[in-house]
Amino acid sequence: MGVDIVIFIYSENELCRTDMHERCCMLSELSAVIRIGGSVKITTDVDVNLKISTENAALARKVFSTIKNIYNIYPEVIIRKSKKLKKHILYILVITSSMEQRSFLIVLE
């Protein structure tokens, strides 16, 4: 395991234990998580999707609740299990560019 991966896993665990109540702090945390584990897919001029992936269930719950609290958006949650011997579970939160969620994706730009 590389040093960068170990530091990120440690940061994920620390992030799950902190409790932020101010909007600016929650936006900073969300921005960091998107920067590390997010991907933006632009298919057309108006169709934009955001995917946030993590193996940490607590972090997935925290990101879900942060997006829900700030933007009143309920991201789609996809759970994938690894088919290999290691029993890794990947949590993917997906936000699409429907009309209600457009404000969230505009803020990210």
N, C-alpha and C. Protein backbone atom coordinates (compact mmCIF):
# COMPACT_ATOMS: atom_id res chain seq x y z
N MET A 1 0.84 -1.17 0.00
CA MET A 1 0.00 0.00 0.00
C MET A 1 0.89 1.24 0.00
N GLY A 2 0.62 2.16 -0.90
CA GLY A 2 1.42 3.37 -1.00
C GLY A 2 1.14 4.33 0.13
N VAL A 3 2.08 5.24 0.34
CA VAL A 3 1.94 6.23 1.41
C VAL A 3 0.73 7.11 1.19
N ASP A 4 0.48 7.52 -0.07
CA ASP A 4 -0.67 8.38 -0.36
C ASP A 4 -1.99 7.71 -0.02
N ILE A 5 -2.08 6.42 -0.29
CA ILE A 5 -3.31 5.68 0.00
C ILE A 5 -3.52 5.58 1.50
N VAL A 6 -2.47 5.31 2.25
CA VAL A 6 -2.57 5.20 3.70
C VAL A 6 -3.01 6.54 4.30
N ILE A 7 -2.44 7.64 3.82
CA ILE A 7 -2.82 8.97 4.31
C ILE A 7 -4.27 9.26 3.99
N PHE A 8 -4.74 8.90 2.79
CA PHE A 8 -6.13 9.15 2.43
C PHE A 8 -7.08 8.32 3.28
N ILE A 9 -6.75 7.06 3.53
CA ILE A 9 -7.61 6.22 4.37
C ILE A 9 -7.67 6.79 5.78
N TYR A 10 -6.54 7.26 6.30
CA TYR A 10 -6.52 7.90 7.63
C TYR A 10 -7.39 9.15 7.61
N SER A 11 -7.29 9.94 6.55
CA SER A 11 -8.09 11.16 6.43
C SER A 11 -9.57 10.85 6.34
N GLU A 12 -9.94 9.80 5.61
CA GLU A 12 -11.36 9.40 5.54
C GLU A 12 -11.89 9.08 6.92
N ASN A 13 -11.13 8.34 7.71
CA ASN A 13 -11.58 7.97 9.05
C ASN A 13 -11.71 9.20 9.94
N GLU A 14 -10.76 10.12 9.86
CA GLU A 14 -10.84 11.35 10.63
C GLU A 14 -12.03 12.19 10.21
N LEU A 15 -12.28 12.27 8.92
CA LEU A 15 -13.38 13.06 8.39
C LEU A 15 -14.72 12.53 8.88
N CYS A 16 -14.83 11.23 9.02
CA CYS A 16 -16.09 10.63 9.48
C CYS A 16 -16.37 10.95 10.94
N ARG A 17 -15.34 11.19 11.71
CA ARG A 17 -15.52 11.45 13.14
C ARG A 17 -15.78 12.91 13.46
N THR A 18 -15.51 13.81 12.54
CA THR A 18 -15.75 15.23 12.81
C THR A 18 -17.21 15.56 12.55
N ASP A 19 -17.70 16.52 13.30
CA ASP A 19 -19.10 16.92 13.16
C ASP A 19 -19.14 18.41 12.86
N MET A 20 -19.42 18.74 11.62
CA MET A 20 -19.47 20.13 11.19
C MET A 20 -20.91 20.62 11.14
N HIS A 21 -21.12 21.84 11.60
CA HIS A 21 -22.46 22.41 11.59
C HIS A 21 -22.56 23.64 10.71
N GLU A 22 -21.44 24.29 10.44
CA GLU A 22 -21.46 25.50 9.61
C GLU A 22 -21.40 25.11 8.14
N ARG A 23 -22.15 25.84 7.33
CA ARG A 23 -22.26 25.55 5.90
C ARG A 23 -20.89 25.60 5.20
N CYS A 24 -20.08 26.59 5.55
CA CYS A 24 -18.78 26.72 4.87
C CYS A 24 -17.87 25.52 5.15
N CYS A 25 -17.92 24.99 6.37
CA CYS A 25 -17.10 23.83 6.72
C CYS A 25 -17.60 22.58 6.01
N MET A 26 -18.93 22.45 5.93
CA MET A 26 -19.50 21.29 5.24
C MET A 26 -19.17 21.34 3.75
N LEU A 27 -19.19 22.53 3.15
CA LEU A 27 -18.82 22.68 1.75
C LEU A 27 -17.35 22.35 1.51
N SER A 28 -16.49 22.74 2.46
CA SER A 28 -15.06 22.42 2.34
C SER A 28 -14.82 20.92 2.39
N GLU A 29 -15.48 20.25 3.32
CA GLU A 29 -15.34 18.80 3.41
C GLU A 29 -15.84 18.12 2.14
N LEU A 30 -17.00 18.56 1.68
CA LEU A 30 -17.59 17.99 0.47
C LEU A 30 -16.68 18.21 -0.73
N SER A 31 -16.11 19.39 -0.82
CA SER A 31 -15.19 19.70 -1.91
C SER A 31 -13.96 18.78 -1.89
N ALA A 32 -13.43 18.53 -0.71
CA ALA A 32 -12.26 17.65 -0.59
C ALA A 32 -12.59 16.22 -0.99
N VAL A 33 -13.75 15.73 -0.57
CA VAL A 33 -14.15 14.36 -0.91
C VAL A 33 -14.35 14.24 -2.42
N ILE A 34 -14.98 15.24 -3.02
CA ILE A 34 -15.20 15.21 -4.47
C ILE A 34 -13.87 15.28 -5.21
N ARG A 35 -12.96 16.07 -4.70
CA ARG A 35 -11.64 16.20 -5.33
C ARG A 35 -10.88 14.87 -5.32
N ILE A 36 -10.99 14.14 -4.21
CA ILE A 36 -10.26 12.87 -4.08
C ILE A 36 -10.99 11.72 -4.76
N GLY A 37 -12.29 11.56 -4.48
CA GLY A 37 -13.00 10.38 -4.96
C GLY A 37 -14.12 10.63 -5.93
N GLY A 38 -14.16 11.83 -6.51
CA GLY A 38 -15.26 12.16 -7.41
C GLY A 38 -14.84 12.19 -8.86
N SER A 39 -15.82 12.01 -9.73
CA SER A 39 -15.58 12.15 -11.16
C SER A 39 -16.80 12.81 -11.79
N VAL A 40 -16.55 13.72 -12.70
CA VAL A 40 -17.61 14.44 -13.40
C VAL A 40 -17.66 13.94 -14.83
N LYS A 41 -18.85 13.60 -15.29
CA LYS A 41 -19.03 13.12 -16.66
C LYS A 41 -19.96 14.08 -17.38
N ILE A 42 -19.46 14.68 -18.45
CA ILE A 42 -20.25 15.60 -19.27
C ILE A 42 -20.57 14.88 -20.57
N THR A 43 -21.86 14.59 -20.78
CA THR A 43 -22.25 13.87 -21.99
C THR A 43 -22.77 14.82 -23.07
N THR A 44 -23.52 15.83 -22.67
CA THR A 44 -23.98 16.85 -23.62
C THR A 44 -23.83 18.21 -22.93
N ASP A 45 -24.31 19.26 -23.60
CA ASP A 45 -24.22 20.60 -23.00
C ASP A 45 -25.03 20.74 -21.73
N VAL A 46 -26.09 19.97 -21.60
CA VAL A 46 -26.96 20.10 -20.44
C VAL A 46 -26.93 18.88 -19.52
N ASP A 47 -26.28 17.81 -19.91
CA ASP A 47 -26.27 16.59 -19.12
C ASP A 47 -24.92 16.40 -18.44
N VAL A 48 -24.91 16.56 -17.12
CA VAL A 48 -23.70 16.43 -16.32
C VAL A 48 -24.00 15.47 -15.17
N ASN A 49 -23.09 14.54 -14.92
CA ASN A 49 -23.24 13.59 -13.82
C ASN A 49 -22.03 13.66 -12.91
N LEU A 50 -22.26 13.52 -11.63
CA LEU A 50 -21.19 13.50 -10.64
C LEU A 50 -21.26 12.17 -9.90
N LYS A 51 -20.12 11.48 -9.82
CA LYS A 51 -20.03 10.22 -9.08
C LYS A 51 -18.97 10.37 -8.00
N ILE A 52 -19.31 9.98 -6.80
CA ILE A 52 -18.38 10.00 -5.68
C ILE A 52 -18.24 8.56 -5.20
N SER A 53 -17.02 8.03 -5.22
CA SER A 53 -16.79 6.63 -4.86
C SER A 53 -15.92 6.54 -3.60
N THR A 54 -16.28 5.61 -2.73
CA THR A 54 -15.48 5.35 -1.54
C THR A 54 -15.74 3.92 -1.06
N GLU A 55 -14.77 3.35 -0.35
CA GLU A 55 -14.95 2.05 0.27
C GLU A 55 -15.37 2.20 1.73
N ASN A 56 -15.41 3.41 2.21
CA ASN A 56 -15.73 3.68 3.60
C ASN A 56 -17.23 3.98 3.73
N ALA A 57 -17.96 3.10 4.39
CA ALA A 57 -19.42 3.26 4.53
C ALA A 57 -19.77 4.51 5.33
N ALA A 58 -19.00 4.81 6.36
CA ALA A 58 -19.28 5.99 7.18
C ALA A 58 -19.10 7.26 6.37
N LEU A 59 -18.08 7.29 5.52
CA LEU A 59 -17.86 8.47 4.67
C LEU A 59 -18.99 8.61 3.65
N ALA A 60 -19.45 7.51 3.09
CA ALA A 60 -20.57 7.56 2.14
C ALA A 60 -21.82 8.10 2.82
N ARG A 61 -22.08 7.66 4.05
CA ARG A 61 -23.24 8.19 4.79
C ARG A 61 -23.09 9.67 5.06
N LYS A 62 -21.87 10.09 5.44
CA LYS A 62 -21.65 11.51 5.75
C LYS A 62 -21.81 12.37 4.51
N VAL A 63 -21.27 11.94 3.38
CA VAL A 63 -21.41 12.70 2.13
C VAL A 63 -22.88 12.78 1.73
N PHE A 64 -23.59 11.66 1.84
CA PHE A 64 -25.01 11.64 1.51
C PHE A 64 -25.77 12.65 2.36
N SER A 65 -25.55 12.62 3.67
CA SER A 65 -26.29 13.52 4.55
C SER A 65 -25.87 14.98 4.36
N THR A 66 -24.61 15.23 4.04
CA THR A 66 -24.16 16.60 3.78
C THR A 66 -24.83 17.16 2.54
N ILE A 67 -24.87 16.38 1.47
CA ILE A 67 -25.53 16.83 0.24
C ILE A 67 -27.02 17.03 0.50
N LYS A 68 -27.61 16.14 1.26
CA LYS A 68 -29.03 16.24 1.58
C LYS A 68 -29.32 17.50 2.40
N ASN A 69 -28.48 17.79 3.39
CA ASN A 69 -28.70 18.95 4.26
C ASN A 69 -28.46 20.28 3.56
N ILE A 70 -27.41 20.35 2.74
CA ILE A 70 -27.07 21.62 2.10
C ILE A 70 -27.97 21.91 0.91
N TYR A 71 -28.16 20.91 0.04
CA TYR A 71 -28.83 21.15 -1.24
C TYR A 71 -30.23 20.55 -1.34
N ASN A 72 -30.64 19.79 -0.32
CA ASN A 72 -31.93 19.10 -0.36
C ASN A 72 -32.03 18.17 -1.57
N ILE A 73 -30.93 17.46 -1.82
CA ILE A 73 -30.82 16.49 -2.92
C ILE A 73 -30.56 15.12 -2.29
N TYR A 74 -31.19 14.11 -2.83
CA TYR A 74 -30.96 12.75 -2.37
C TYR A 74 -30.21 11.99 -3.46
N PRO A 75 -28.88 11.88 -3.34
CA PRO A 75 -28.11 11.17 -4.37
C PRO A 75 -28.50 9.71 -4.46
N GLU A 76 -28.37 9.15 -5.65
CA GLU A 76 -28.58 7.72 -5.83
C GLU A 76 -27.37 7.00 -5.24
N VAL A 77 -27.61 5.93 -4.49
CA VAL A 77 -26.52 5.18 -3.87
C VAL A 77 -26.44 3.81 -4.54
N ILE A 78 -25.25 3.49 -5.05
CA ILE A 78 -24.99 2.20 -5.68
C ILE A 78 -23.95 1.48 -4.83
N ILE A 79 -24.21 0.23 -4.51
CA ILE A 79 -23.28 -0.57 -3.71
C ILE A 79 -22.78 -1.72 -4.57
N ARG A 80 -21.46 -1.80 -4.72
CA ARG A 80 -20.85 -2.87 -5.51
C ARG A 80 -19.90 -3.67 -4.63
N LYS A 81 -20.00 -4.97 -4.76
CA LYS A 81 -19.10 -5.86 -4.03
C LYS A 81 -18.05 -6.39 -4.98
N SER A 82 -16.83 -6.49 -4.49
CA SER A 82 -15.74 -7.02 -5.28
C SER A 82 -15.92 -8.51 -5.49
N LYS A 83 -15.59 -8.99 -6.68
CA LYS A 83 -15.72 -10.41 -6.97
C LYS A 83 -14.45 -11.17 -6.62
N LYS A 84 -13.43 -10.46 -6.20
CA LYS A 84 -12.18 -11.11 -5.84
C LYS A 84 -12.26 -11.65 -4.42
N LEU A 85 -11.20 -12.26 -3.98
CA LEU A 85 -11.18 -12.86 -2.64
C LEU A 85 -11.36 -11.83 -1.54
N LYS A 86 -10.79 -10.65 -1.73
CA LYS A 86 -10.98 -9.60 -0.73
C LYS A 86 -12.42 -9.11 -0.82
N LYS A 87 -13.03 -8.95 0.31
CA LYS A 87 -14.45 -8.58 0.32
C LYS A 87 -14.61 -7.06 0.40
N HIS A 88 -14.12 -6.37 -0.60
CA HIS A 88 -14.26 -4.92 -0.63
C HIS A 88 -15.65 -4.55 -1.12
N ILE A 89 -16.20 -3.53 -0.49
CA ILE A 89 -17.49 -3.00 -0.91
C ILE A 89 -17.27 -1.56 -1.33
N LEU A 90 -17.75 -1.21 -2.50
CA LEU A 90 -17.59 0.14 -3.03
C LEU A 90 -18.94 0.84 -3.00
N TYR A 91 -18.96 2.02 -2.40
CA TYR A 91 -20.17 2.83 -2.33
C TYR A 91 -20.03 3.97 -3.33
N ILE A 92 -21.00 4.10 -4.21
CA ILE A 92 -20.97 5.13 -5.24
C ILE A 92 -22.21 6.00 -5.08
N LEU A 93 -22.01 7.31 -4.90
CA LEU A 93 -23.11 8.25 -4.84
C LEU A 93 -23.16 8.97 -6.18
N VAL A 94 -24.33 8.97 -6.81
CA VAL A 94 -24.49 9.54 -8.15
C VAL A 94 -25.48 10.69 -8.09
N ILE A 95 -25.07 11.82 -8.66
CA ILE A 95 -25.94 12.98 -8.80
C ILE A 95 -26.01 13.30 -10.28
N THR A 96 -27.23 13.34 -10.81
CA THR A 96 -27.42 13.66 -12.22
C THR A 96 -27.92 15.09 -12.37
N SER A 97 -27.93 15.59 -13.58
CA SER A 97 -28.28 16.98 -13.83
C SER A 97 -29.76 17.17 -14.12
N SER A 98 -30.60 16.60 -13.27
CA SER A 98 -32.03 16.88 -13.42
C SER A 98 -32.28 18.30 -12.91
N MET A 99 -33.47 18.80 -13.11
CA MET A 99 -33.76 20.20 -12.79
C MET A 99 -33.56 20.52 -11.31
N GLU A 100 -33.91 19.62 -10.38
CA GLU A 100 -33.75 19.91 -8.97
C GLU A 100 -32.28 19.95 -8.56
N GLN A 101 -31.47 19.18 -9.23
CA GLN A 101 -30.08 19.03 -8.83
C GLN A 101 -29.14 19.93 -9.62
N ARG A 102 -29.65 20.72 -10.49
CA ARG A 102 -28.82 21.59 -11.32
C ARG A 102 -28.05 22.61 -10.48
N SER A 103 -28.67 23.11 -9.40
CA SER A 103 -28.01 24.11 -8.57
C SER A 103 -26.75 23.54 -7.93
N PHE A 104 -26.77 22.28 -7.54
CA PHE A 104 -25.60 21.65 -6.94
C PHE A 104 -24.45 21.58 -7.93
N LEU A 105 -24.75 21.16 -9.15
CA LEU A 105 -23.69 21.02 -10.15
C LEU A 105 -23.18 22.37 -10.62
N ILE A 106 -24.00 23.40 -10.60
CA ILE A 106 -23.52 24.75 -10.95
C ILE A 106 -22.54 25.25 -9.91
N VAL A 107 -22.80 24.98 -8.63
CA VAL A 107 -21.90 25.40 -7.56
C VAL A 107 -20.53 24.75 -7.72
N LEU A 108 -20.48 23.53 -8.22
CA LEU A 108 -19.22 22.82 -8.39
C LEU A 108 -18.33 23.43 -9.46
N GLU A 109 -18.92 24.13 -10.42
CA GLU A 109 -18.12 24.72 -11.50
C GLU A 109 -17.30 25.81 -11.01
